[in-house]
C-alpha atoms as a PDB file:
ATOM      1  CA  MET A   1     120.250  67.367 133.166  1.00  0.00           C
ATOM      2  CA  PRO A   2     117.401  68.374 130.812  1.00  0.00           C
ATOM      3  CA  HIS A   3     118.036  68.245 127.086  1.00  0.00           C
ATOM      4  CA  LEU A   4     116.735  70.962 124.750  1.00  0.00           C
ATOM      5  CA  ILE A   5     116.845  70.226 121.034  1.00  0.00           C
ATOM      6  CA  VAL A   6     117.831  73.325 119.049  1.00  0.00           C
ATOM      7  CA  THR A   7     116.406  73.416 115.520  1.00  0.00           C
ATOM      8  CA  ARG A   8     117.835  76.757 114.388  1.00  0.00           C
ATOM      9  CA  PRO A   9     120.442  76.697 111.602  1.00  0.00           C
ATOM     10  CA  ALA A  10     123.967  76.195 112.893  1.00  0.00           C
ATOM     11  CA  LEU A  11     124.958  79.672 111.705  1.00  0.00           C
ATOM     12  CA  THR A  12     122.398  81.438 113.902  1.00  0.00           C
ATOM     13  CA  ALA A  13     121.926  78.966 116.762  1.00  0.00           C
ATOM     14  CA  GLU A  14     124.700  80.015 119.154  1.00  0.00           C
ATOM     15  CA  ALA A  15     122.661  82.589 121.089  1.00  0.00           C
ATOM     16  CA  LEU A  16     119.971  79.969 121.715  1.00  0.00           C
ATOM     17  CA  ARG A  17     122.536  77.364 122.706  1.00  0.00           C
ATOM     18  CA  ARG A  18     124.011  79.811 125.238  1.00  0.00           C
ATOM     19  CA  ALA A  19     120.553  80.483 126.651  1.00  0.00           C
ATOM     20  CA  VAL A  20     119.967  76.735 127.005  1.00  0.00           C
ATOM     21  CA  ARG A  21     123.194  76.321 128.961  1.00  0.00           C
ATOM     22  CA  ARG A  22     122.380  79.333 131.152  1.00  0.00           C
ATOM     23  CA  GLY A  23     119.074  77.648 131.964  1.00  0.00           C
ATOM     24  CA  GLY A  24     120.897  74.584 133.257  1.00  0.00           C
ATOM     25  CA  ALA A  25     120.096  72.356 130.281  1.00  0.00           C
ATOM     26  CA  GLN A  26     122.181  70.709 127.572  1.00  0.00           C
ATOM     27  CA  PRO A  27     121.602  71.778 123.949  1.00  0.00           C
ATOM     28  CA  LEU A  28     121.331  69.155 121.236  1.00  0.00           C
ATOM     29  CA  SER A  29     121.674  70.359 117.656  1.00  0.00           C
ATOM     30  CA  LEU A  30     119.114  69.269 115.048  1.00  0.00           C
ATOM     31  CA  PRO A  31     118.929  72.112 112.487  1.00  0.00           C
ATOM     32  CA  GLY A  32     115.686  72.385 110.589  1.00  0.00           C
ATOM     33  CA  LEU A  33     117.344  74.538 107.918  1.00  0.00           C
ATOM     34  CA  ALA A  34     120.722  75.159 106.348  1.00  0.00           C
ATOM     35  CA  LEU A  35     121.814  78.625 105.252  1.00  0.00           C
ATOM     36  CA  ALA A  36     124.040  79.538 102.322  1.00  0.00           C
ATOM     37  CA  ALA A  37     125.182  82.664 100.506  1.00  0.00           C
ATOM     38  CA  ALA A  38     123.233  83.958  97.525  1.00  0.00           C
ATOM     39  CA  PRO A  39     124.118  81.930  94.396  1.00  0.00           C
ATOM     40  CA  ASP A  40     125.214  85.072  92.500  1.00  0.00           C
ATOM     41  CA  PRO A  41     127.089  87.251  95.020  1.00  0.00           C
ATOM     42  CA  ALA A  42     127.800  90.003  92.489  1.00  0.00           C
ATOM     43  CA  ALA A  43     124.116  90.371  91.635  1.00  0.00           C
ATOM     44  CA  ALA A  44     123.148  90.326  95.323  1.00  0.00           C
ATOM     45  CA  ARG A  45     125.780  92.957  96.097  1.00  0.00           C
ATOM     46  CA  GLY A  46     124.510  95.138  93.260  1.00  0.00           C
ATOM     47  CA  ALA A  47     120.917  94.848  94.500  1.00  0.00           C
ATOM     48  CA  LEU A  48     122.018  95.804  98.010  1.00  0.00           C
ATOM     49  CA  GLU A  49     123.928  98.826  96.737  1.00  0.00           C
ATOM     50  CA  ALA A  50     120.945  99.878  94.594  1.00  0.00           C
ATOM     51  CA  ALA A  51     118.722  99.752  97.669  1.00  0.00           C
ATOM     52  CA  ARG A  52     120.836 102.117  99.763  1.00  0.00           C
ATOM     53  CA  ASP A  53     118.567 105.088  99.076  1.00  0.00           C
ATOM     54  CA  ALA A  54     115.276 103.279  99.674  1.00  0.00           C
ATOM     55  CA  SER A  55     112.896 105.018 102.059  1.00  0.00           C
ATOM     56  CA  ILE A  56     112.759 101.953 104.316  1.00  0.00           C
ATOM     57  CA  TRP A  57     114.920  98.888 104.823  1.00  0.00           C
ATOM     58  CA  ILE A  58     113.255  95.788 106.254  1.00  0.00           C
ATOM     59  CA  VAL A  59     115.828  93.253 107.455  1.00  0.00           C
ATOM     60  CA  THR A  60     114.219  89.895 108.041  1.00  0.00           C
ATOM     61  CA  SER A  61     116.619  87.932 110.276  1.00  0.00           C
ATOM     62  CA  PRO A  62     120.031  87.801 111.963  1.00  0.00           C
ATOM     63  CA  ALA A  63     121.096  85.575 109.053  1.00  0.00           C
ATOM     64  CA  ALA A  64     120.274  88.413 106.644  1.00  0.00           C
ATOM     65  CA  VAL A  65     122.545  90.705 108.671  1.00  0.00           C
ATOM     66  CA  HIS A  66     125.355  88.128 108.595  1.00  0.00           C
ATOM     67  CA  PHE A  67     125.228  87.611 104.836  1.00  0.00           C
ATOM     68  CA  MET A  68     124.699  91.297 104.136  1.00  0.00           C
ATOM     69  CA  ARG A  69     127.927  92.035 106.008  1.00  0.00           C
ATOM     70  CA  ARG A  70     129.767  89.292 104.110  1.00  0.00           C
ATOM     71  CA  LEU A  71     128.546  90.553 100.745  1.00  0.00           C
ATOM     72  CA  ALA A  72     129.345  94.215 101.308  1.00  0.00           C
ATOM     73  CA  PRO A  73     131.417  94.989 104.412  1.00  0.00           C
ATOM     74  CA  GLY A  74     130.631  98.473 105.644  1.00  0.00           C
ATOM     75  CA  ILE A  75     127.357  98.677 103.719  1.00  0.00           C
ATOM     76  CA  ALA A  76     124.820 100.985 105.328  1.00  0.00           C
ATOM     77  CA  PRO A  77     121.589 102.621 104.246  1.00  0.00           C
ATOM     78  CA  SER A  78     121.465 106.327 103.502  1.00  0.00           C
ATOM     79  CA  ALA A  79     121.041 108.689 106.446  1.00  0.00           C
ATOM     80  CA  SER A  80     117.386 109.273 105.543  1.00  0.00           C
ATOM     81  CA  THR A  81     116.496 105.565 105.330  1.00  0.00           C
ATOM     82  CA  ARG A  82     114.370 104.127 108.123  1.00  0.00           C
ATOM     83  CA  VAL A  83     115.541 100.621 109.132  1.00  0.00           C
ATOM     84  CA  LEU A  84     113.072  98.065 110.486  1.00  0.00           C
ATOM     85  CA  ALA A  85     113.871  94.606 111.834  1.00  0.00           C
ATOM     86  CA  VAL A  86     111.438  91.703 112.061  1.00  0.00           C
ATOM     87  CA  GLY A  87     112.632  90.864 115.594  1.00  0.00           C
ATOM     88  CA  ARG A  88     114.757  92.109 118.450  1.00  0.00           C
ATOM     89  CA  GLY A  89     117.571  89.680 117.633  1.00  0.00           C
ATOM     90  CA  THR A  90     117.824  91.160 114.140  1.00  0.00           C
ATOM     91  CA  ALA A  91     117.790  94.685 115.557  1.00  0.00           C
ATOM     92  CA  ARG A  92     120.652  93.796 117.912  1.00  0.00           C
ATOM     93  CA  ALA A  93     122.656  92.268 115.047  1.00  0.00           C
ATOM     94  CA  LEU A  94     122.189  95.459 113.026  1.00  0.00           C
ATOM     95  CA  GLY A  95     123.192  97.527 116.048  1.00  0.00           C
ATOM     96  CA  ARG A  96     126.510  95.698 116.165  1.00  0.00           C
ATOM     97  CA  LEU A  97     127.115  97.056 112.653  1.00  0.00           C
ATOM     98  CA  GLY A  98     126.252 100.570 113.782  1.00  0.00           C
ATOM     99  CA  ILE A  99     122.832 100.511 112.098  1.00  0.00           C
ATOM    100  CA  ALA A 100     119.963 101.585 114.344  1.00  0.00           C
ATOM    101  CA  ALA A 101     116.774  99.605 113.712  1.00  0.00           C
ATOM    102  CA  VAL A 102     113.253  99.469 115.096  1.00  0.00           C
ATOM    103  CA  ALA A 103     111.607  96.117 115.838  1.00  0.00           C
ATOM    104  CA  PRO A 104     108.058  95.311 116.952  1.00  0.00           C
ATOM    105  CA  GLU A 105     107.679  95.201 120.718  1.00  0.00           C
ATOM    106  CA  ARG A 106     105.117  92.445 120.329  1.00  0.00           C
ATOM    107  CA  GLY A 107     104.629  89.910 117.608  1.00  0.00           C
ATOM    108  CA  GLU A 108     108.119  89.340 116.218  1.00  0.00           C
ATOM    109  CA  ASP A 109     106.759  88.299 112.851  1.00  0.00           C
ATOM    110  CA  SER A 110     105.420  89.773 109.628  1.00  0.00           C
ATOM    111  CA  GLU A 111     102.153  90.819 111.228  1.00  0.00           C
ATOM    112  CA  GLY A 112     103.947  92.599 114.062  1.00  0.00           C
ATOM    113  CA  LEU A 113     106.149  94.386 111.564  1.00  0.00           C
ATOM    114  CA  LEU A 114     103.222  95.467 109.401  1.00  0.00           C
ATOM    115  CA  ALA A 115     101.612  97.060 112.461  1.00  0.00           C
ATOM    116  CA  LEU A 116     104.538  99.456 112.959  1.00  0.00           C
ATOM    117  CA  PRO A 117     103.672 103.119 112.244  1.00  0.00           C
ATOM    118  CA  ASP A 118     106.231 103.315 109.400  1.00  0.00           C
ATOM    119  CA  LEU A 119     104.352 100.667 107.418  1.00  0.00           C
ATOM    120  CA  ARG A 120     100.755 101.629 108.050  1.00  0.00           C
ATOM    121  CA  ASP A 121     100.648 103.988 105.058  1.00  0.00           C
ATOM    122  CA  PRO A 122     103.739 103.409 102.884  1.00  0.00           C
ATOM    123  CA  ALA A 123     102.109 104.452  99.598  1.00  0.00           C
ATOM    124  CA  GLY A 124     104.650 105.773  97.113  1.00  0.00           C
ATOM    125  CA  ARG A 125     107.687 104.747  99.169  1.00  0.00           C
ATOM    126  CA  ARG A 126     110.486 102.393  98.057  1.00  0.00           C
ATOM    127  CA  ILE A 127     111.006  99.591 100.559  1.00  0.00           C
ATOM    128  CA  ALA A 128     113.990  97.225 100.384  1.00  0.00           C
ATOM    129  CA  LEU A 129     113.179  93.779 101.790  1.00  0.00           C
ATOM    130  CA  ILE A 130     116.522  92.223 102.714  1.00  0.00           C
ATOM    131  CA  GLY A 131     116.516  88.485 103.322  1.00  0.00           C
ATOM    132  CA  ALA A 132     116.133  85.206 101.428  1.00  0.00           C
ATOM    133  CA  PRO A 133     113.695  83.879  98.823  1.00  0.00           C
ATOM    134  CA  GLY A 134     110.709  81.964 100.108  1.00  0.00           C
ATOM    135  CA  GLY A 135     109.265  82.292 103.565  1.00  0.00           C
ATOM    136  CA  ARG A 136     105.612  82.921 104.371  1.00  0.00           C
ATOM    137  CA  GLY A 137     105.080  85.441 101.567  1.00  0.00           C
ATOM    138  CA  VAL A 138     103.133  87.911 103.727  1.00  0.00           C
ATOM    139  CA  LEU A 139     105.199  91.090 103.496  1.00  0.00           C
ATOM    140  CA  VAL A 140     105.436  91.715  99.752  1.00  0.00           C
ATOM    141  CA  PRO A 141     101.707  91.462  98.890  1.00  0.00           C
ATOM    142  CA  SER A 142     100.757  93.390 102.038  1.00  0.00           C
ATOM    143  CA  LEU A 143     103.166  96.245 101.304  1.00  0.00           C
ATOM    144  CA  THR A 144     102.385  96.452  97.596  1.00  0.00           C
ATOM    145  CA  GLY A 145      98.703  96.378  98.489  1.00  0.00           C
ATOM    146  CA  ARG A 146      99.341  99.459 100.621  1.00  0.00           C
ATOM    147  CA  GLY A 147     100.913 101.225  97.656  1.00  0.00           C
ATOM    148  CA  ALA A 148     104.622 100.695  98.332  1.00  0.00           C
ATOM    149  CA  GLU A 149     107.277  99.719  95.789  1.00  0.00           C
ATOM    150  CA  VAL A 150     109.080  96.673  97.189  1.00  0.00           C
ATOM    151  CA  LEU A 151     112.650  95.787  96.173  1.00  0.00           C
ATOM    152  CA  ALA A 152     113.496  92.185  97.064  1.00  0.00           C
ATOM    153  CA  VAL A 153     117.191  91.925  97.996  1.00  0.00           C
ATOM    154  CA  HIS A 154     118.159  88.283  98.440  1.00  0.00           C
ATOM    155  CA  VAL A 155     121.457  88.150 100.304  1.00  0.00           C
ATOM    156  CA  TYR A 156     121.242  84.462 101.269  1.00  0.00           C
ATOM    157  CA  ARG A 157     119.142  81.338 100.745  1.00  0.00           C
ATOM    158  CA  ARG A 158     117.598  78.660 102.928  1.00  0.00           C
ATOM    159  CA  LEU A 159     118.246  75.006 102.087  1.00  0.00           C
ATOM    160  CA  PRO A 160     117.153  71.627 103.457  1.00  0.00           C
ATOM    161  CA  PRO A 161     119.386  70.476 106.326  1.00  0.00           C
ATOM    162  CA  ARG A 162     121.801  67.579 106.350  1.00  0.00           C
ATOM    163  CA  TRP A 163     122.217  65.762 109.635  1.00  0.00           C
ATOM    164  CA  ARG A 164     125.201  63.838 110.897  1.00  0.00           C
ATOM    165  CA  PRO A 165     124.509  60.340 112.305  1.00  0.00           C
ATOM    166  CA  ALA A 166     125.782  61.531 115.689  1.00  0.00           C
ATOM    167  CA  GLN A 167     123.146  64.285 115.793  1.00  0.00           C
ATOM    168  CA  LEU A 168     120.324  61.841 115.071  1.00  0.00           C
ATOM    169  CA  GLU A 169     121.645  59.364 117.637  1.00  0.00           C
ATOM    170  CA  ALA A 170     121.847  62.056 120.317  1.00  0.00           C
ATOM    171  CA  VAL A 171     118.240  63.093 119.700  1.00  0.00           C
ATOM    172  CA  LEU A 172     117.040  59.485 119.799  1.00  0.00           C
ATOM    173  CA  ALA A 173     118.812  59.038 123.137  1.00  0.00           C
ATOM    174  CA  ALA A 174     117.191  62.135 124.690  1.00  0.00           C
ATOM    175  CA  ARG A 175     114.685  61.189 127.366  1.00  0.00           C
ATOM    176  CA  ALA A 176     112.545  63.205 129.744  1.00  0.00           C
ATOM    177  CA  PRO A 177     113.096  65.896 130.743  1.00  0.00           C
ATOM    178  CA  ALA A 178     113.679  66.883 127.116  1.00  0.00           C
ATOM    179  CA  ALA A 179     111.960  69.211 124.665  1.00  0.00           C
ATOM    180  CA  THR A 180     112.394  70.675 121.192  1.00  0.00           C
ATOM    181  CA  LEU A 181     112.668  74.428 120.516  1.00  0.00           C
ATOM    182  CA  LEU A 182     111.201  75.615 117.206  1.00  0.00           C
ATOM    183  CA  SER A 183     110.698  79.056 115.639  1.00  0.00           C
ATOM    184  CA  SER A 184     110.251  78.339 111.909  1.00  0.00           C
ATOM    185  CA  ALA A 185     107.428  76.702 109.961  1.00  0.00           C
ATOM    186  CA  GLU A 186     109.883  75.884 107.170  1.00  0.00           C
ATOM    187  CA  ALA A 187     112.123  74.081 109.674  1.00  0.00           C
ATOM    188  CA  LEU A 188     109.101  72.169 110.957  1.00  0.00           C
ATOM    189  CA  GLY A 189     108.351  71.066 107.401  1.00  0.00           C
ATOM    190  CA  HIS A 190     111.865  69.726 106.888  1.00  0.00           C
ATOM    191  CA  LEU A 191     111.898  67.941 110.240  1.00  0.00           C
ATOM    192  CA  THR A 192     108.555  66.317 109.496  1.00  0.00           C
ATOM    193  CA  ALA A 193     109.343  65.304 105.917  1.00  0.00           C
ATOM    194  CA  ARG A 194     113.061  64.489 106.014  1.00  0.00           C
ATOM    195  CA  LEU A 195     113.945  62.959 109.362  1.00  0.00           C
ATOM    196  CA  PRO A 196     114.223  59.157 109.561  1.00  0.00           C
ATOM    197  CA  PRO A 197     110.845  57.878 110.796  1.00  0.00           C
ATOM    198  CA  GLU A 198     112.154  56.675 114.147  1.00  0.00           C
ATOM    199  CA  VAL A 199     113.664  60.099 114.903  1.00  0.00           C
ATOM    200  CA  ARG A 200     110.541  61.972 113.800  1.00  0.00           C
ATOM    201  CA  LEU A 201     108.295  59.735 115.895  1.00  0.00           C
ATOM    202  CA  HIS A 202     110.558  60.205 118.921  1.00  0.00           C
ATOM    203  CA  LEU A 203     110.430  63.985 118.527  1.00  0.00           C
ATOM    204  CA  GLN A 204     106.644  63.787 118.472  1.00  0.00           C
ATOM    205  CA  THR A 205     106.680  62.146 121.919  1.00  0.00           C
ATOM    206  CA  LEU A 206     108.580  65.103 123.407  1.00  0.00           C
ATOM    207  CA  PRO A 207     107.203  68.534 124.333  1.00  0.00           C
ATOM    208  CA  LEU A 208     107.572  71.069 121.521  1.00  0.00           C
ATOM    209  CA  ILE A 209     108.156  74.717 122.394  1.00  0.00           C
ATOM    210  CA  VAL A 210     107.179  77.071 119.568  1.00  0.00           C
ATOM    211  CA  SER A 211     107.394  80.818 119.086  1.00  0.00           C
ATOM    212  CA  SER A 212     103.810  81.630 118.026  1.00  0.00           C
ATOM    213  CA  GLU A 213     100.229  80.404 118.019  1.00  0.00           C
ATOM    214  CA  ARG A 214     100.435  80.154 114.227  1.00  0.00           C
ATOM    215  CA  LEU A 215     103.377  77.765 114.496  1.00  0.00           C
ATOM    216  CA  ALA A 216     101.588  75.784 117.218  1.00  0.00           C
ATOM    217  CA  ALA A 217      98.723  75.147 114.803  1.00  0.00           C
ATOM    218  CA  HIS A 218     101.162  73.873 112.167  1.00  0.00           C
ATOM    219  CA  ALA A 219     102.829  71.630 114.752  1.00  0.00           C
ATOM    220  CA  HIS A 220      99.531  70.047 115.792  1.00  0.00           C
ATOM    221  CA  GLU A 221      98.760  69.374 112.120  1.00  0.00           C
ATOM    222  CA  ALA A 222     102.194  67.735 111.783  1.00  0.00           C
ATOM    223  CA  GLY A 223     101.445  65.261 114.568  1.00  0.00           C
ATOM    224  CA  PHE A 224     102.931  66.932 117.651  1.00  0.00           C
ATOM    225  CA  GLY A 225     100.690  66.597 120.684  1.00  0.00           C
ATOM    226  CA  ASP A 226     102.379  68.445 123.545  1.00  0.00           C
ATOM    227  CA  VAL A 227     102.913  71.926 122.080  1.00  0.00           C
ATOM    228  CA  ARG A 228     103.590  74.996 124.238  1.00  0.00           C
ATOM    229  CA  VAL A 229     103.839  78.591 122.989  1.00  0.00           C
ATOM    230  CA  ALA A 230     106.707  80.773 124.232  1.00  0.00           C
ATOM    231  CA  GLY A 231     106.397  84.510 124.757  1.00  0.00           C
ATOM    232  CA  SER A 232     108.479  85.239 121.636  1.00  0.00           C
ATOM    233  CA  PRO A 233     111.191  83.705 119.415  1.00  0.00           C
ATOM    234  CA  ALA A 234     113.856  85.221 121.689  1.00  0.00           C
ATOM    235  CA  PRO A 235     116.222  82.591 123.125  1.00  0.00           C
ATOM    236  CA  GLY A 236     115.391  83.434 126.717  1.00  0.00           C
ATOM    237  CA  ASP A 237     111.648  83.136 126.107  1.00  0.00           C
ATOM    238  CA  LEU A 238     111.959  79.759 124.348  1.00  0.00           C
ATOM    239  CA  VAL A 239     114.123  78.316 127.126  1.00  0.00           C
ATOM    240  CA  ALA A 240     111.919  79.725 129.890  1.00  0.00           C
ATOM    241  CA  ALA A 241     108.852  78.106 128.317  1.00  0.00           C
ATOM    242  CA  ALA A 242     110.633  74.759 128.164  1.00  0.00           C
ATOM    243  CA  LEU A 243     111.708  74.948 131.799  1.00  0.00           C
ATOM    244  CA  ARG A 244     108.145  75.811 132.845  1.00  0.00           C
ATOM    245  CA  ARG A 245     106.937  72.745 130.949  1.00  0.00           C
ATOM    246  CA  PHE A 246     109.377  70.566 132.906  1.00  0.00           C
ATOM    247  CA  GLU A 247     108.033  71.970 136.176  1.00  0.00           C
ATOM    248  CA  ALA A 248     104.407  71.358 135.235  1.00  0.00           C
END
Protein backbone atom coordinates (compact mmCIF):
# COMPACT_ATOMS: atom_id res chain seq x y z
CA MET A 1 0.00 0.00 0.00
CA PRO A 2 1.39 3.46 -0.87
CA HIS A 3 2.27 5.80 1.98
CA LEU A 4 1.47 9.52 1.81
CA ILE A 5 3.11 11.74 4.41
CA VAL A 6 0.71 14.44 5.62
CA THR A 7 2.43 17.64 6.77
CA ARG A 8 -0.65 19.67 7.70
CA PRO A 9 -1.13 20.52 11.39
CA ALA A 10 -2.96 17.81 13.30
CA LEU A 11 -5.90 20.14 13.91
CA THR A 12 -6.63 20.63 10.21
CA ALA A 13 -5.26 17.42 8.67
CA GLU A 14 -8.26 15.09 8.95
CA ALA A 15 -9.82 15.99 5.60
CA LEU A 16 -6.51 15.25 3.87
CA ARG A 17 -6.07 12.01 5.78
CA ARG A 18 -9.55 10.91 4.67
CA ALA A 19 -8.69 11.74 1.07
CA VAL A 20 -5.50 9.68 1.34
CA ARG A 21 -7.44 6.67 2.59
CA ARG A 22 -10.07 7.10 -0.13
CA GLY A 23 -7.24 7.01 -2.66
CA GLY A 24 -6.13 3.61 -1.37
CA ALA A 25 -3.04 4.87 0.46
CA GLN A 26 -2.01 5.02 4.11
CA PRO A 27 -1.49 8.46 5.70
CA LEU A 28 1.56 9.08 7.86
CA SER A 29 1.48 12.17 10.06
CA LEU A 30 4.47 14.54 10.09
CA PRO A 31 3.06 18.02 10.86
CA GLY A 32 5.10 20.92 9.60
CA LEU A 33 3.31 23.31 11.96
CA ALA A 34 1.51 23.33 15.28
CA LEU A 35 -1.50 25.55 15.92
CA ALA A 36 -2.52 27.20 19.18
CA ALA A 37 -5.08 29.73 20.38
CA ALA A 38 -4.20 33.41 20.50
CA PRO A 39 -2.12 34.17 23.62
CA ASP A 40 -4.63 36.78 24.85
CA PRO A 41 -8.11 35.37 24.10
CA ALA A 42 -9.92 38.39 25.53
CA ALA A 43 -8.03 40.78 23.27
CA ALA A 44 -8.59 38.52 20.24
CA ARG A 45 -12.30 38.28 21.04
CA GLY A 46 -12.53 42.06 21.35
CA ALA A 47 -10.79 42.55 17.99
CA LEU A 48 -13.17 40.08 16.36
CA GLU A 49 -16.21 41.84 17.82
CA ALA A 50 -14.85 45.23 16.71
CA ALA A 51 -14.50 43.90 13.17
CA ARG A 52 -18.12 42.79 12.82
CA ASP A 53 -19.10 45.89 10.84
CA ALA A 54 -16.11 45.88 8.49
CA SER A 55 -16.96 46.14 4.81
CA ILE A 56 -15.11 42.89 4.05
CA TRP A 57 -13.95 39.92 6.08
CA ILE A 58 -11.03 37.91 4.72
CA VAL A 59 -10.71 34.55 6.49
CA THR A 60 -7.36 32.98 5.77
CA SER A 61 -7.71 29.27 6.62
CA PRO A 62 -9.89 26.53 8.11
CA ALA A 63 -7.81 26.94 11.27
CA ALA A 64 -8.93 30.58 11.48
CA VAL A 65 -12.55 29.40 11.31
CA HIS A 66 -11.94 26.84 14.06
CA PHE A 67 -10.34 29.31 16.46
CA MET A 68 -12.80 32.06 15.60
CA ARG A 69 -15.63 29.74 16.62
CA ARG A 70 -13.84 28.81 19.85
CA LEU A 71 -13.21 32.44 20.75
CA ALA A 72 -16.72 33.70 20.08
CA PRO A 73 -19.34 31.01 19.46
CA GLY A 74 -22.08 32.37 17.24
CA ILE A 75 -19.96 35.27 15.99
CA ALA A 76 -20.95 36.47 12.53
CA PRO A 77 -20.25 39.53 10.43
CA SER A 78 -22.92 42.15 9.89
CA ALA A 79 -25.46 41.51 7.14
CA SER A 80 -23.75 44.04 4.87
CA THR A 81 -20.26 42.54 5.26
CA ARG A 82 -18.83 40.66 2.30
CA VAL A 83 -16.94 37.51 3.40
CA LEU A 84 -14.01 36.20 1.36
CA ALA A 85 -12.07 32.99 1.96
CA VAL A 86 -8.54 32.28 0.75
CA GLY A 87 -9.55 28.77 -0.39
CA ARG A 88 -12.50 26.49 -0.93
CA GLY A 89 -11.79 24.54 2.26
CA THR A 90 -12.07 27.75 4.28
CA ALA A 91 -15.29 28.68 2.48
CA ARG A 92 -16.78 25.27 3.33
CA ALA A 93 -15.75 25.64 6.99
CA LEU A 94 -17.45 29.04 7.13
CA GLY A 95 -20.53 27.57 5.45
CA ARG A 96 -20.84 25.06 8.27
CA LEU A 97 -21.20 28.07 10.59
CA GLY A 98 -23.89 29.56 8.37
CA ILE A 99 -21.55 32.20 6.93
CA ALA A 100 -21.57 32.40 3.14
CA ALA A 101 -18.14 33.14 1.68
CA VAL A 102 -16.60 33.58 -1.75
CA ALA A 103 -13.28 31.91 -2.60
CA PRO A 104 -11.11 32.19 -5.72
CA GLU A 105 -11.95 29.59 -8.34
CA ARG A 106 -8.29 29.46 -9.30
CA GLY A 107 -5.20 30.23 -7.31
CA GLU A 108 -6.16 29.42 -3.73
CA ASP A 109 -3.61 31.85 -2.35
CA SER A 110 -3.13 35.54 -1.68
CA GLU A 111 -2.73 36.37 -5.35
CA GLY A 112 -5.93 34.54 -6.25
CA LEU A 113 -7.77 36.37 -3.50
CA LEU A 114 -6.46 39.77 -4.57
CA ALA A 115 -7.80 39.14 -8.07
CA LEU A 116 -11.39 38.84 -6.83
CA PRO A 117 -13.65 41.73 -7.92
CA ASP A 118 -14.30 42.79 -4.30
CA LEU A 119 -10.61 43.56 -3.78
CA ARG A 120 -9.69 45.18 -7.06
CA ASP A 121 -10.62 48.67 -5.85
CA PRO A 122 -11.13 48.58 -2.06
CA ALA A 123 -10.13 52.22 -1.45
CA GLY A 124 -11.78 53.64 1.66
CA ARG A 125 -13.16 50.29 2.85
CA ARG A 126 -12.41 48.60 6.20
CA ILE A 127 -11.19 45.05 5.71
CA ALA A 128 -10.81 42.60 8.60
CA LEU A 129 -8.06 40.05 7.97
CA ILE A 130 -8.84 37.10 10.24
CA GLY A 131 -6.03 34.61 10.78
CA ALA A 132 -2.65 34.34 12.51
CA PRO A 133 0.46 36.53 12.68
CA GLY A 134 3.17 35.83 10.15
CA GLY A 135 2.64 34.15 6.83
CA ARG A 136 3.81 35.48 3.47
CA GLY A 137 2.91 39.10 4.22
CA VAL A 138 1.31 39.74 0.81
CA LEU A 139 -2.24 40.77 1.69
CA VAL A 140 -1.75 43.69 4.06
CA PRO A 141 0.66 45.77 1.92
CA SER A 142 -1.32 44.98 -1.24
CA LEU A 143 -4.64 46.04 0.29
CA THR A 144 -3.29 49.15 2.00
CA GLY A 145 -1.57 50.04 -1.26
CA ARG A 146 -5.00 49.93 -2.89
CA GLY A 147 -6.35 52.35 -0.31
CA ALA A 148 -8.07 49.99 2.13
CA GLU A 149 -7.92 50.14 5.93
CA VAL A 150 -6.85 46.69 7.13
CA LEU A 151 -7.71 45.41 10.62
CA ALA A 152 -5.54 42.43 11.58
CA VAL A 153 -7.54 40.03 13.78
CA HIS A 154 -5.28 37.30 15.11
CA VAL A 155 -7.45 34.48 16.40
CA TYR A 156 -4.68 31.86 16.55
CA ARG A 157 -0.93 31.42 16.11
CA ARG A 158 1.37 29.04 14.27
CA LEU A 159 4.20 27.37 16.18
CA PRO A 160 7.06 25.00 15.35
CA PRO A 161 5.96 21.35 15.48
CA ARG A 162 7.00 18.71 17.96
CA TRP A 163 7.26 15.18 16.65
CA ARG A 164 6.85 11.94 18.53
CA PRO A 165 9.59 9.30 18.01
CA ALA A 166 6.97 6.98 16.52
CA GLN A 167 6.12 9.54 13.83
CA LEU A 168 9.76 9.93 12.81
CA GLU A 169 10.28 6.17 12.78
CA ALA A 170 7.23 5.63 10.58
CA VAL A 171 8.47 8.19 8.05
CA LEU A 172 11.95 6.65 8.00
CA ALA A 173 10.39 3.25 7.32
CA ALA A 174 8.30 4.53 4.38
CA ARG A 175 9.57 3.16 1.08
CA ALA A 176 8.37 3.48 -2.49
CA PRO A 177 5.64 4.00 -3.38
CA ALA A 178 5.62 6.90 -0.91
CA ALA A 179 5.39 10.67 -1.22
CA THR A 180 5.03 13.78 0.93
CA LEU A 181 2.09 16.21 0.62
CA LEU A 182 2.90 19.86 1.33
CA SER A 183 0.88 23.09 1.09
CA SER A 184 2.80 25.57 3.28
CA ALA A 185 6.16 27.28 2.84
CA GLU A 186 6.36 27.78 6.60
CA ALA A 187 5.88 24.03 7.13
CA LEU A 188 8.61 23.36 4.57
CA GLY A 189 10.94 25.63 6.53
CA HIS A 190 10.32 23.76 9.77
CA LEU A 191 10.73 20.36 8.13
CA THR A 192 14.00 21.43 6.54
CA ALA A 193 15.46 23.11 9.62
CA ARG A 194 14.14 21.00 12.50
CA LEU A 195 13.90 17.38 11.42
CA PRO A 196 16.73 15.03 12.45
CA PRO A 197 19.16 14.89 9.50
CA GLU A 198 18.43 11.26 8.65
CA VAL A 199 14.68 11.95 8.44
CA ARG A 200 15.15 15.11 6.37
CA LEU A 201 17.49 13.34 3.95
CA HIS A 202 15.03 10.46 3.60
CA LEU A 203 12.19 12.87 2.82
CA GLN A 204 14.35 14.42 0.11
CA THR A 205 14.62 11.03 -1.62
CA LEU A 206 10.82 10.77 -1.90
CA PRO A 207 8.52 12.57 -4.34
CA LEU A 208 7.14 15.83 -2.93
CA ILE A 209 3.66 16.95 -3.96
CA VAL A 210 3.14 20.69 -3.48
CA SER A 211 0.17 23.00 -3.95
CA SER A 212 1.72 25.74 -6.13
CA GLU A 213 4.57 26.61 -8.46
CA ARG A 214 5.79 29.10 -5.86
CA LEU A 215 6.08 26.34 -3.26
CA ALA A 216 7.79 24.07 -5.80
CA ALA A 217 10.52 26.68 -6.24
CA HIS A 218 11.04 26.83 -2.47
CA ALA A 219 11.19 23.03 -2.31
CA HIS A 220 13.87 22.82 -5.00
CA GLU A 221 15.90 25.42 -3.09
CA ALA A 222 15.52 23.29 0.06
CA GLY A 223 17.06 20.26 -1.63
CA PHE A 224 14.03 18.32 -2.89
CA GLY A 225 14.56 16.92 -6.36
CA ASP A 226 11.35 15.16 -7.38
CA VAL A 227 8.73 17.89 -6.93
CA ARG A 228 5.28 17.73 -8.55
CA VAL A 229 2.65 20.50 -8.47
CA ALA A 230 -0.96 19.57 -7.68
CA GLY A 231 -3.94 21.38 -9.17
CA SER A 232 -4.68 23.12 -5.85
CA PRO A 233 -4.21 22.72 -2.08
CA ALA A 234 -7.50 20.77 -1.92
CA PRO A 235 -7.06 17.29 -0.43
CA GLY A 236 -8.37 15.52 -3.51
CA ASP A 237 -5.99 17.40 -5.81
CA LEU A 238 -2.93 16.68 -3.64
CA VAL A 239 -3.74 12.97 -3.43
CA ALA A 240 -4.53 12.70 -7.14
CA ALA A 241 -1.17 14.26 -8.01
CA ALA A 242 0.62 11.77 -5.77
CA LEU A 243 -1.18 8.80 -7.31
CA ARG A 244 -0.31 10.05 -10.81
CA ARG A 245 3.33 10.25 -9.75
CA PHE A 246 3.21 6.60 -8.64
CA GLU A 247 1.82 5.60 -12.04
CA ALA A 248 4.49 7.49 -13.96
